[in-house]
Amino acid sequence: MAHTMTKNEWQAFLSEGTRTGKLATVRADGSPHLAPVWFLLDGDELVFNTGEDTVKGRNLARDGRLALCVDDERPPFSFAVVHGRAELSDDLAAVRHWATRIGARYMGEDRAEEYGARNGVPGELLVRVRIDKVVAVAAIAG
């Protein structure tokens, strides 16, 4: 039966497996931009990397508001939508550290360093999201 997830449930849901987040940002003209991202939870914050010259990177530098949707497309279907504000950092040590950890989640520990080296370079940003609101429902079709 469908139910609203508790904080512990949605944090576990966001951290399970290799589900990508669908990141929504605001373009300069006010229209939405949507892009998939790899991410991790760090306590009560969400972290991911992006290039400073990407559409999402430019959007977040101008307007830090975002929403990130993660869903399970298998029955009985579940989702979590995180709303928050991004804080950007170009500190190379932090960018590489998180790029390595994110690489481990999505590509495995054996390739983590490879992805850290690839994504932890000048021009890449660490995005840390202060979560303001979460809407999460489990077992929608249950």
Protein backbone atom coordinates (compact mmCIF):
# COMPACT_ATOMS: atom_id res chain seq x y z
CA MET A 1 0.00 0.00 0.00
CA ALA A 2 1.27 3.46 -0.86
CA HIS A 3 2.74 5.46 1.98
CA THR A 4 4.75 8.62 2.55
CA MET A 5 8.33 7.72 3.33
CA THR A 6 9.90 8.67 6.64
CA LYS A 7 13.23 10.50 6.62
CA ASN A 8 15.08 7.23 7.22
CA GLU A 9 13.17 5.57 4.39
CA TRP A 10 13.80 8.27 1.80
CA GLN A 11 17.47 8.53 2.77
CA ALA A 12 17.81 4.76 2.31
CA PHE A 13 15.89 4.97 -0.98
CA LEU A 14 18.18 7.71 -2.33
CA SER A 15 21.27 5.74 -1.28
CA GLU A 16 20.23 2.37 -2.71
CA GLY A 17 22.01 1.02 -5.77
CA THR A 18 22.88 3.20 -8.72
CA ARG A 19 19.70 5.14 -9.33
CA THR A 20 20.45 8.42 -11.07
CA GLY A 21 18.88 11.69 -10.04
CA LYS A 22 16.98 13.80 -12.52
CA LEU A 23 18.13 17.33 -11.68
CA ALA A 24 15.88 20.29 -12.45
CA THR A 25 17.42 23.78 -12.48
CA VAL A 26 16.16 27.19 -13.57
CA ARG A 27 17.42 28.74 -16.82
CA ALA A 28 18.03 32.49 -17.08
CA ASP A 29 14.71 32.90 -18.94
CA GLY A 30 12.86 31.09 -16.13
CA SER A 31 12.31 27.88 -18.06
CA PRO A 32 13.31 24.52 -16.56
CA HIS A 33 16.39 22.50 -17.45
CA LEU A 34 16.56 18.80 -16.65
CA ALA A 35 19.65 16.57 -16.59
CA PRO A 36 20.59 13.22 -15.05
CA VAL A 37 23.26 13.25 -12.34
CA TRP A 38 25.16 10.82 -10.17
CA PHE A 39 24.94 11.81 -6.49
CA LEU A 40 25.50 10.79 -2.88
CA LEU A 41 23.98 11.74 0.44
CA ASP A 42 26.37 13.26 2.97
CA GLY A 43 24.43 13.33 6.21
CA ASP A 44 21.49 15.64 5.60
CA GLU A 45 22.92 17.06 2.38
CA LEU A 46 23.09 15.82 -1.17
CA VAL A 47 26.33 16.12 -3.20
CA PHE A 48 27.19 15.80 -6.88
CA ASN A 49 29.70 17.13 -9.39
CA THR A 50 29.15 19.15 -12.54
CA GLY A 51 31.17 21.28 -14.91
CA GLU A 52 31.08 25.00 -14.30
CA ASP A 53 30.40 25.59 -18.02
CA THR A 54 27.51 23.11 -18.30
CA VAL A 55 23.93 24.37 -18.47
CA LYS A 56 23.25 23.04 -14.97
CA GLY A 57 26.51 24.51 -13.64
CA ARG A 58 25.73 27.96 -15.05
CA ASN A 59 22.11 27.75 -13.85
CA LEU A 60 23.15 26.82 -10.30
CA ALA A 61 25.77 29.58 -10.17
CA ARG A 62 23.10 32.13 -11.08
CA ASP A 63 20.15 30.64 -9.16
CA GLY A 64 20.89 27.89 -6.67
CA ARG A 65 17.34 26.54 -6.49
CA LEU A 66 16.90 22.97 -7.65
CA ALA A 67 14.79 19.85 -7.46
CA LEU A 68 16.09 16.32 -7.85
CA CYS A 69 13.82 13.36 -8.59
CA VAL A 70 14.84 9.76 -8.00
CA ASP A 71 12.45 6.96 -8.83
CA ASP A 72 12.14 3.21 -8.88
CA GLU A 73 10.51 2.32 -12.18
CA ARG A 74 9.70 -1.24 -11.07
CA PRO A 75 6.37 -2.18 -9.50
CA PRO A 76 5.11 -1.22 -7.00
CA PHE A 77 6.90 2.07 -7.96
CA SER A 78 8.37 4.64 -5.56
CA PHE A 79 9.91 8.09 -5.83
CA ALA A 80 11.56 10.87 -3.87
CA VAL A 81 11.79 14.51 -4.92
CA VAL A 82 14.33 16.62 -3.07
CA HIS A 83 14.06 20.42 -3.12
CA GLY A 84 16.91 22.60 -2.00
CA ARG A 85 19.59 25.19 -2.62
CA ALA A 86 23.00 24.50 -4.07
CA GLU A 87 26.29 25.73 -2.70
CA LEU A 88 29.10 25.48 -5.26
CA SER A 89 32.78 24.87 -4.59
CA ASP A 90 35.72 24.68 -6.95
CA ASP A 91 38.10 23.47 -4.21
CA LEU A 92 39.97 20.82 -6.19
CA ALA A 93 40.65 18.53 -3.23
CA ALA A 94 36.94 18.47 -2.33
CA VAL A 95 35.85 18.09 -5.95
CA ARG A 96 38.18 15.12 -6.45
CA HIS A 97 37.28 13.52 -3.10
CA TRP A 98 33.56 13.53 -3.90
CA ALA A 99 34.11 12.61 -7.57
CA THR A 100 35.97 9.52 -6.33
CA ARG A 101 33.26 8.57 -3.83
CA ILE A 102 30.52 9.12 -6.41
CA GLY A 103 32.51 7.08 -8.96
CA ALA A 104 32.71 4.24 -6.43
CA ARG A 105 28.94 4.20 -6.04
CA TYR A 106 28.12 4.16 -9.73
CA MET A 107 31.12 2.36 -11.28
CA GLY A 108 32.44 0.27 -8.39
CA GLU A 109 35.35 0.61 -5.99
CA ASP A 110 37.77 -0.77 -8.58
CA ARG A 111 37.12 2.23 -10.87
CA ALA A 112 36.61 4.91 -8.22
CA GLU A 113 40.06 6.49 -8.59
CA GLU A 114 39.69 6.57 -12.37
CA TYR A 115 36.46 8.55 -12.10
CA GLY A 116 37.89 10.76 -9.36
CA ALA A 117 40.80 11.66 -11.65
CA ARG A 118 38.50 12.21 -14.63
CA ASN A 119 35.94 14.35 -12.80
CA GLY A 120 38.14 15.98 -10.15
CA VAL A 121 39.83 18.51 -12.42
CA PRO A 122 39.84 22.31 -12.85
CA GLY A 123 36.53 23.47 -14.30
CA GLU A 124 34.53 20.93 -12.31
CA LEU A 125 32.44 21.91 -9.31
CA LEU A 126 31.28 20.22 -6.15
CA VAL A 127 27.60 20.92 -5.61
CA ARG A 128 26.39 20.57 -2.04
CA VAL A 129 22.61 20.77 -1.65
CA ARG A 130 21.01 21.98 1.55
CA ILE A 131 17.74 20.02 1.49
CA ASP A 132 14.69 22.17 2.27
CA LYS A 133 11.87 19.75 1.45
CA VAL A 134 11.36 16.13 0.39
CA VAL A 135 8.27 14.54 -1.12
CA ALA A 136 8.69 10.76 -1.12
CA VAL A 137 6.13 8.01 -1.64
CA ALA A 138 6.75 4.27 -1.56
CA ALA A 139 4.77 1.45 -3.14
CA ILE A 140 2.52 3.72 -5.19
CA ALA A 141 0.84 0.77 -6.92
CA GLY A 142 1.01 -1.51 -3.87
